Amino acid sequence: MGSMRVGFVGAGRMGFPMVERLAAAGHDLVVYARRSEAAAALAGLGVRHTAELAEVAAGADVLLLCVFNDEQLNEIAEPLAAALPDGAVFASHVTGRESVLRSLAARFPGIAVVDAPVSGGPDEIRAGRLTILLGGDPAARARAADAVRAYGDPLIETGELGTALAVKLVNNFLFAANTQLAAEAVRLGEALGVAPDQLLGALKHMSGGSQASRRAAEGGGDMAAFATRIGPFMKKDVAACLEQAAERGVDPGLLIDVVRRGQLALV
């Protein structure tokens, strides 16, 4: 993997370890840092930073965004895209709506937009094993992969623009449903005399276990506390999936029934 000019926006809880890995990989890196504490942390890494959106995009081969939602993306996407050189790749790690990125691609045909949602957290990023989905033009996916390979493995190419987001949204919808099912399993287990931590600990080694039950087990089996931790992300992503399904006239079926009927507030 050769060095390239990489612009990065969103050096927060997820983004900062991405920046660390990109810097260690030897890329010519410029990071957007509006807050003084973020700028100080980047200076400590020896990473070039700027408070100007146009500067982080100017001259970039690949621009990576790791903000929380579509609203934040929409606030900054246009000035970033306008400052990118023709042929540059605009790759978004945001889990949001396909229509947002398609609209951006239509307004700025000189750049290549890639949807690049991720699965995992800071620990996976630091270990270089964050799961990254890539959707878009094949050549653009390949160029985005050359950058995100610094912290991603596996990199899963899903097809045209929007398909990576579709996979991620369905995954998170399924995770929300599995979380509701895990909570119901805990309730049933308690009624049968089994403590939540015992049940969830056993499920980690059994066929009925899931990523949701495994992650809940890591918190000692307190499903309410687990739902509080994941709730803001799940609510955002379930809403985005429902909107995308509605745009295409698709019925989410049993998945939304489970998510809505479960005891946890995930919608």
Protein backbone atom coordinates (compact mmCIF):
# COMPACT_ATOMS: atom_id res chain seq x y z
CA MET A 1 0.00 0.00 0.00
CA GLY A 2 1.56 3.29 -1.11
CA SER A 3 1.33 6.64 0.59
CA MET A 4 -1.39 9.04 -0.55
CA ARG A 5 -2.74 12.42 0.44
CA VAL A 6 -5.60 11.77 2.87
CA GLY A 7 -7.95 14.33 4.36
CA PHE A 8 -9.87 13.34 7.50
CA VAL A 9 -12.88 14.88 9.22
CA GLY A 10 -14.28 13.59 12.51
CA ALA A 11 -11.35 12.79 14.80
CA GLY A 12 -13.50 11.84 17.79
CA ARG A 13 -13.98 8.60 19.73
CA MET A 14 -13.91 6.49 16.57
CA GLY A 15 -12.04 8.87 14.31
CA PHE A 16 -9.01 9.58 16.48
CA PRO A 17 -7.70 5.99 16.51
CA MET A 18 -8.31 5.93 12.74
CA VAL A 19 -6.07 8.98 12.45
CA GLU A 20 -3.43 7.27 14.57
CA ARG A 21 -3.41 4.27 12.23
CA LEU A 22 -3.38 6.42 9.09
CA ALA A 23 -0.42 8.41 10.41
CA ALA A 24 1.45 5.22 11.33
CA ALA A 25 0.85 3.91 7.79
CA GLY A 26 2.80 6.87 6.43
CA HIS A 27 0.05 8.70 4.56
CA ASP A 28 0.31 12.42 3.87
CA LEU A 29 -2.45 13.25 6.34
CA VAL A 30 -4.38 16.45 7.07
CA VAL A 31 -7.08 16.38 9.76
CA TYR A 32 -9.88 18.85 10.37
CA ALA A 33 -9.82 20.03 14.00
CA ARG A 34 -12.19 22.78 15.05
CA ARG A 35 -11.77 22.37 18.83
CA SER A 36 -8.54 23.38 20.54
CA GLU A 37 -8.31 20.13 22.53
CA ALA A 38 -8.58 18.10 19.32
CA ALA A 39 -5.89 20.22 17.70
CA ALA A 40 -3.62 19.69 20.71
CA ALA A 41 -4.12 15.91 20.60
CA LEU A 42 -3.29 15.84 16.88
CA ALA A 43 -0.23 18.01 17.43
CA GLY A 44 0.89 15.47 20.01
CA LEU A 45 0.79 12.83 17.28
CA GLY A 46 2.71 15.04 14.90
CA VAL A 47 -0.28 15.13 12.54
CA ARG A 48 -0.97 18.20 10.44
CA HIS A 49 -4.35 19.74 11.24
CA THR A 50 -6.47 22.67 10.17
CA ALA A 51 -9.63 24.47 11.24
CA GLU A 52 -10.60 25.10 7.60
CA LEU A 53 -12.76 22.58 5.75
CA ALA A 54 -11.44 23.66 2.36
CA GLU A 55 -7.86 23.09 3.48
CA VAL A 56 -8.46 19.52 4.64
CA ALA A 57 -9.95 18.66 1.24
CA ALA A 58 -7.60 20.61 -1.05
CA GLY A 59 -5.22 18.28 -2.87
CA ALA A 60 -6.58 15.13 -1.21
CA ASP A 61 -6.59 11.83 -3.09
CA VAL A 62 -9.07 10.43 -0.56
CA LEU A 63 -11.22 12.34 1.92
CA LEU A 64 -12.55 10.30 4.86
CA LEU A 65 -15.47 11.39 7.04
CA CYS A 66 -16.32 9.91 10.43
CA VAL A 67 -19.10 12.08 11.85
CA PHE A 68 -22.16 10.81 13.74
CA ASN A 69 -25.13 11.28 11.43
CA ASP A 70 -26.53 12.65 8.18
CA GLU A 71 -27.27 16.03 9.74
CA GLN A 72 -23.61 16.55 10.62
CA LEU A 73 -22.58 15.23 7.22
CA ASN A 74 -24.90 17.65 5.42
CA GLU A 75 -23.43 20.60 7.34
CA ILE A 76 -19.95 20.02 5.94
CA ALA A 77 -20.31 17.90 2.79
CA GLU A 78 -20.74 20.69 0.24
CA PRO A 79 -17.68 22.82 1.14
CA LEU A 80 -15.58 19.67 1.39
CA ALA A 81 -16.73 18.29 -1.96
CA ALA A 82 -16.28 21.69 -3.62
CA ALA A 83 -12.67 21.87 -2.45
CA LEU A 84 -11.71 18.38 -3.59
CA PRO A 85 -9.77 18.07 -6.85
CA ASP A 86 -11.40 16.28 -9.77
CA GLY A 87 -11.00 12.52 -9.46
CA ALA A 88 -10.71 12.55 -5.68
CA VAL A 89 -12.62 10.04 -3.56
CA PHE A 90 -15.12 11.22 -0.93
CA ALA A 91 -15.59 8.23 1.43
CA SER A 92 -18.12 8.44 4.26
CA HIS A 93 -18.06 6.20 7.34
CA VAL A 94 -21.43 7.68 8.40
CA THR A 95 -24.29 5.22 8.89
CA GLY A 96 -27.12 7.12 7.28
CA ARG A 97 -29.32 7.34 4.20
CA GLU A 98 -28.24 6.40 0.70
CA SER A 99 -30.09 9.41 -0.72
CA VAL A 100 -27.73 11.82 1.06
CA LEU A 101 -24.66 10.42 -0.70
CA ARG A 102 -26.44 10.03 -4.04
CA SER A 103 -27.44 13.68 -3.90
CA LEU A 104 -23.85 14.68 -3.15
CA ALA A 105 -22.56 12.57 -6.05
CA ALA A 106 -25.09 14.20 -8.40
CA ARG A 107 -24.09 17.73 -7.33
CA PHE A 108 -20.35 17.03 -7.66
CA PRO A 109 -19.83 14.68 -10.62
CA GLY A 110 -16.09 15.38 -10.71
CA ILE A 111 -15.46 13.40 -7.53
CA ALA A 112 -16.18 9.76 -6.68
CA VAL A 113 -18.44 9.19 -3.67
CA VAL A 114 -18.05 5.95 -1.67
CA ASP A 115 -20.23 4.75 1.18
CA ALA A 116 -17.95 3.14 3.74
CA PRO A 117 -19.91 2.33 6.93
CA VAL A 118 -18.09 0.38 9.61
CA SER A 119 -18.80 -2.31 12.18
CA GLY A 120 -16.77 -2.34 15.36
CA GLY A 121 -15.36 0.14 17.84
CA PRO A 122 -12.15 1.86 18.95
CA ASP A 123 -10.54 -1.40 20.09
CA GLU A 124 -11.01 -2.94 16.64
CA ILE A 125 -9.66 0.22 15.01
CA ARG A 126 -6.52 0.22 17.14
CA ALA A 127 -5.97 -3.45 16.32
CA GLY A 128 -6.42 -2.79 12.60
CA ARG A 129 -9.41 -5.12 12.34
CA LEU A 130 -12.38 -2.82 11.90
CA THR A 131 -14.94 -4.25 9.47
CA ILE A 132 -15.47 -1.75 6.65
CA LEU A 133 -18.08 -2.02 3.90
CA LEU A 134 -17.41 -0.25 0.60
CA GLY A 135 -19.98 0.77 -2.00
CA GLY A 136 -19.42 2.78 -5.17
CA ASP A 137 -17.56 2.72 -8.46
CA PRO A 138 -15.00 -0.16 -8.45
CA ALA A 139 -12.01 2.12 -9.02
CA ALA A 140 -13.18 4.47 -6.26
CA ARG A 141 -13.72 1.54 -3.88
CA ALA A 142 -10.16 0.40 -4.57
CA ARG A 143 -8.71 3.83 -3.83
CA ALA A 144 -10.74 4.16 -0.64
CA ALA A 145 -9.54 0.69 0.37
CA ASP A 146 -5.91 1.78 -0.04
CA ALA A 147 -6.50 4.37 2.69
CA VAL A 148 -8.83 2.60 5.12
CA ARG A 149 -6.78 -0.58 5.04
CA ALA A 150 -4.66 1.20 7.65
CA TYR A 151 -7.33 0.34 10.24
CA GLY A 152 -9.74 -2.00 8.45
CA ASP A 153 -9.80 -5.75 8.03
CA PRO A 154 -11.90 -7.18 6.52
CA LEU A 155 -12.79 -4.74 3.77
CA ILE A 156 -16.01 -5.93 2.15
CA GLU A 157 -16.97 -4.55 -1.27
CA THR A 158 -20.75 -4.65 -1.70
CA GLY A 159 -21.34 -3.15 -5.15
CA GLU A 160 -22.65 0.21 -6.36
CA LEU A 161 -23.05 3.35 -4.29
CA GLY A 162 -25.55 2.81 -1.48
CA THR A 163 -25.18 -0.95 -1.18
CA ALA A 164 -22.71 -0.73 1.71
CA LEU A 165 -25.13 1.46 3.64
CA ALA A 166 -27.95 -0.98 2.90
CA VAL A 167 -25.92 -3.85 4.33
CA LYS A 168 -25.00 -1.84 7.42
CA LEU A 169 -28.56 -0.66 8.04
CA VAL A 170 -29.97 -4.18 7.72
CA ASN A 171 -27.21 -5.42 10.04
CA ASN A 172 -28.06 -2.81 12.67
CA PHE A 173 -31.78 -3.44 12.31
CA LEU A 174 -31.09 -7.14 12.91
CA PHE A 175 -28.84 -6.27 15.87
CA ALA A 176 -31.65 -4.18 17.38
CA ALA A 177 -34.07 -7.09 16.93
CA ASN A 178 -31.57 -9.52 18.44
CA THR A 179 -31.09 -7.18 21.40
CA GLN A 180 -34.84 -7.21 22.03
CA LEU A 181 -34.85 -11.02 21.76
CA ALA A 182 -31.91 -11.26 24.17
CA ALA A 183 -33.81 -9.10 26.66
CA GLU A 184 -36.81 -11.42 26.35
CA ALA A 185 -34.54 -14.43 26.85
CA VAL A 186 -33.13 -12.85 30.02
CA ARG A 187 -36.65 -12.23 31.29
CA LEU A 188 -37.63 -15.84 30.61
CA GLY A 189 -34.43 -17.14 32.18
CA GLU A 190 -35.01 -15.13 35.35
CA ALA A 191 -38.55 -16.52 35.56
CA LEU A 192 -37.00 -19.99 35.36
CA GLY A 193 -34.50 -19.20 38.11
CA VAL A 194 -31.41 -18.35 36.03
CA ALA A 195 -29.48 -15.11 36.68
CA PRO A 196 -28.93 -12.87 33.62
CA ASP A 197 -25.13 -13.12 33.75
CA GLN A 198 -25.31 -16.90 33.96
CA LEU A 199 -27.68 -17.18 31.02
CA LEU A 200 -25.84 -14.73 28.77
CA GLY A 201 -22.49 -16.21 29.73
CA ALA A 202 -23.69 -19.65 28.69
CA LEU A 203 -25.21 -18.36 25.44
CA LYS A 204 -21.77 -17.18 24.32
CA HIS A 205 -20.96 -20.86 23.78
CA MET A 206 -24.33 -22.04 22.49
CA SER A 207 -26.34 -21.96 19.28
CA GLY A 208 -28.88 -19.44 20.59
CA GLY A 209 -26.25 -16.80 21.26
CA SER A 210 -25.78 -13.69 19.11
CA GLN A 211 -23.54 -10.65 18.94
CA ALA A 212 -26.23 -8.84 20.93
CA SER A 213 -26.27 -11.41 23.74
CA ARG A 214 -22.46 -11.60 23.77
CA ARG A 215 -22.09 -7.84 24.10
CA ALA A 216 -24.77 -7.72 26.77
CA ALA A 217 -22.87 -10.43 28.66
CA GLU A 218 -19.77 -8.21 28.70
CA GLY A 219 -21.77 -5.73 30.77
CA GLY A 220 -22.79 -8.34 33.33
CA GLY A 221 -26.19 -9.07 31.83
CA ASP A 222 -27.89 -5.78 32.72
CA MET A 223 -30.04 -5.40 29.61
CA ALA A 224 -31.37 -1.97 30.58
CA ALA A 225 -27.83 -0.60 30.94
CA PHE A 226 -26.84 -2.24 27.65
CA ALA A 227 -29.82 -0.64 25.91
CA THR A 228 -28.87 2.75 27.36
CA ARG A 229 -25.37 2.42 25.88
CA ILE A 230 -26.46 1.39 22.41
CA GLY A 231 -29.82 3.19 22.30
CA PRO A 232 -28.74 6.46 20.60
CA PHE A 233 -26.98 4.56 17.81
CA MET A 234 -29.74 2.00 17.35
CA LYS A 235 -32.51 4.60 17.26
CA LYS A 236 -30.63 6.61 14.62
CA ASP A 237 -29.87 3.59 12.46
CA VAL A 238 -33.29 1.94 12.75
CA ALA A 239 -34.88 5.26 11.74
CA ALA A 240 -32.52 5.54 8.75
CA CYS A 241 -33.31 1.99 7.68
CA LEU A 242 -37.04 2.60 7.95
CA GLU A 243 -36.73 5.77 5.87
CA GLN A 244 -34.72 4.00 3.20
CA ALA A 245 -37.19 1.11 3.13
CA ALA A 246 -40.08 3.56 2.81
CA GLU A 247 -38.35 5.34 -0.09
CA ARG A 248 -38.27 2.02 -1.93
CA GLY A 249 -41.68 0.81 -0.84
CA VAL A 250 -40.22 -2.09 1.15
CA ASP A 251 -41.92 -3.60 4.23
CA PRO A 252 -39.39 -4.35 7.04
CA GLY A 253 -41.75 -7.10 8.18
CA LEU A 254 -40.93 -9.16 11.26
CA LEU A 255 -37.79 -7.16 12.06
CA ILE A 256 -39.67 -3.97 12.88
CA ASP A 257 -42.34 -5.94 14.76
CA VAL A 258 -39.67 -7.39 17.06
CA VAL A 259 -37.89 -4.07 17.55
CA ARG A 260 -41.12 -2.25 18.38
CA ARG A 261 -42.64 -4.92 20.61
CA GLY A 262 -39.54 -5.61 22.70
CA GLN A 263 -39.19 -4.24 26.20
CA LEU A 264 -36.18 -2.02 25.39
CA ALA A 265 -36.56 1.48 23.93
CA LEU A 266 -34.68 1.05 20.65
CA VAL A 267 -37.05 2.96 18.35
